[in-house]
């Protein structure tokens, strides 16, 4: 059985969803539901997704992030991903997602970017 932990809080005015464990086909709905709830209650929907505790992510997990980013874009926002793991950066790059899903090394960097900034790895 796969394990995923998802929690929510605010940082510097941004909603943050913190994810740890394995994000895959079996656990994708858990994160998808939380993202949907947070995005639908914020306008504009600029949401930080903190992934430093993520141990594994497959295509189904990436699909959840892409769908949530699209939903946030419909509310004049977007996702800002946080991970220090080079393997996650490579995962985004090899799947052609590094431009559409900006990745930062820290919460402070993600929160410190101007609204609408999509500059990739920070």
Protein backbone atom coordinates (compact mmCIF):
# COMPACT_ATOMS: atom_id res chain seq x y z
CA UNK A 1 0.00 0.00 0.00
CA UNK A 2 1.32 3.42 -0.97
CA UNK A 3 1.67 6.20 1.56
CA UNK A 4 0.95 9.88 0.98
CA UNK A 5 0.64 12.65 3.53
CA UNK A 6 -0.94 15.95 2.53
CA UNK A 7 -1.29 18.99 4.80
CA UNK A 8 -2.23 22.62 4.24
CA UNK A 9 -1.17 25.91 5.82
CA UNK A 10 -0.36 29.50 4.85
CA UNK A 11 3.06 31.03 4.33
CA UNK A 12 3.59 34.73 3.67
CA UNK A 13 0.02 35.06 2.41
CA UNK A 14 0.16 32.03 0.11
CA UNK A 15 -1.76 28.80 0.62
CA UNK A 16 0.73 25.94 0.88
CA UNK A 17 0.07 22.26 0.35
CA UNK A 18 2.83 20.09 1.79
CA UNK A 19 3.21 16.62 0.32
CA UNK A 20 5.29 13.70 1.53
CA UNK A 21 5.46 10.04 0.62
CA UNK A 22 4.61 8.53 -2.76
CA UNK A 23 2.51 10.33 -5.36
CA UNK A 24 1.29 7.81 -7.89
CA UNK A 25 -1.82 6.22 -9.39
CA UNK A 26 -2.96 4.89 -6.02
CA UNK A 27 -2.56 8.18 -4.11
CA UNK A 28 -3.25 10.82 -6.77
CA UNK A 29 -6.87 11.45 -5.74
CA UNK A 30 -5.84 12.40 -2.21
CA UNK A 31 -3.64 15.23 -3.48
CA UNK A 32 -6.02 16.11 -6.30
CA UNK A 33 -8.93 16.67 -3.91
CA UNK A 34 -6.85 18.87 -1.60
CA UNK A 35 -5.51 20.94 -4.48
CA UNK A 36 -9.01 21.37 -5.90
CA UNK A 37 -10.35 22.52 -2.53
CA UNK A 38 -7.56 25.04 -1.95
CA UNK A 39 -7.61 26.39 -5.51
CA UNK A 40 -11.39 26.77 -5.57
CA UNK A 41 -11.33 28.89 -2.40
CA UNK A 42 -8.64 31.36 -3.55
CA UNK A 43 -8.90 33.99 -6.27
CA UNK A 44 -6.36 34.53 -7.64
CA UNK A 45 -5.25 30.96 -6.94
CA UNK A 46 -1.49 31.20 -6.41
CA UNK A 47 -0.67 27.98 -4.54
CA UNK A 48 2.68 26.71 -3.31
CA UNK A 49 3.11 22.94 -3.35
CA UNK A 50 5.93 21.92 -1.00
CA UNK A 51 7.42 18.63 -2.22
CA UNK A 52 10.63 18.18 -0.21
CA UNK A 53 9.10 15.16 1.52
CA UNK A 54 8.07 13.51 -1.72
CA UNK A 55 9.87 10.19 -2.14
CA UNK A 56 8.35 9.09 -5.46
CA UNK A 57 6.25 10.60 -8.25
CA UNK A 58 5.07 8.90 -11.43
CA UNK A 59 3.14 10.11 -14.48
CA UNK A 60 -0.18 9.94 -12.61
CA UNK A 61 1.26 12.22 -9.93
CA UNK A 62 2.54 14.67 -12.52
CA UNK A 63 -0.88 14.65 -14.18
CA UNK A 64 -2.45 15.80 -10.88
CA UNK A 65 -0.03 18.73 -10.71
CA UNK A 66 -0.63 19.68 -14.35
CA UNK A 67 -4.43 19.55 -13.91
CA UNK A 68 -4.25 21.62 -10.73
CA UNK A 69 -2.01 24.18 -12.42
CA UNK A 70 -4.56 24.45 -15.24
CA UNK A 71 -7.38 24.91 -12.70
CA UNK A 72 -5.39 27.59 -10.85
CA UNK A 73 -4.71 29.33 -14.16
CA UNK A 74 -8.46 29.59 -14.70
CA UNK A 75 -8.54 31.54 -11.44
CA UNK A 76 -5.71 33.88 -12.54
CA UNK A 77 -3.10 31.91 -10.61
CA UNK A 78 -0.82 28.92 -10.83
CA UNK A 79 1.18 26.42 -8.85
CA UNK A 80 4.63 27.16 -7.50
CA UNK A 81 6.45 23.94 -6.69
CA UNK A 82 9.13 23.70 -4.00
CA UNK A 83 11.71 20.91 -3.97
CA UNK A 84 15.42 20.77 -3.33
CA UNK A 85 15.68 17.33 -4.92
CA UNK A 86 17.55 17.30 -8.26
CA UNK A 87 15.61 14.15 -9.18
CA UNK A 88 12.32 16.07 -9.09
CA UNK A 89 13.76 18.86 -11.25
CA UNK A 90 14.91 16.21 -13.75
CA UNK A 91 11.46 14.63 -13.70
CA UNK A 92 9.88 17.95 -14.70
CA UNK A 93 12.52 18.60 -17.35
CA UNK A 94 12.33 15.15 -18.97
CA UNK A 95 8.54 15.45 -19.18
CA UNK A 96 8.65 18.95 -20.67
CA UNK A 97 7.01 20.55 -17.65
CA UNK A 98 9.77 22.80 -16.27
CA UNK A 99 8.38 25.88 -18.04
CA UNK A 100 4.74 25.40 -17.05
CA UNK A 101 5.40 24.27 -13.45
CA UNK A 102 7.95 26.64 -11.88
CA UNK A 103 10.22 24.97 -9.34
CA UNK A 104 11.88 26.76 -6.41
CA UNK A 105 14.34 25.57 -3.78
CA UNK A 106 12.51 27.07 -0.79
CA UNK A 107 9.17 28.42 0.39
CA UNK A 108 10.73 31.85 0.76
CA UNK A 109 11.86 31.87 -2.87
CA UNK A 110 8.47 30.67 -4.12
CA UNK A 111 6.61 33.27 -2.05
CA UNK A 112 9.07 36.01 -2.95
CA UNK A 113 8.48 35.88 -6.69
CA UNK A 114 6.15 38.48 -8.19
CA UNK A 115 2.71 37.22 -9.10
CA UNK A 116 2.84 35.75 -12.58
CA UNK A 117 6.59 35.08 -12.51
CA UNK A 118 7.31 31.76 -14.19
CA UNK A 119 11.05 31.63 -14.26
CA UNK A 120 11.63 27.95 -13.51
CA UNK A 121 14.31 26.74 -11.10
CA UNK A 122 15.25 29.33 -8.48
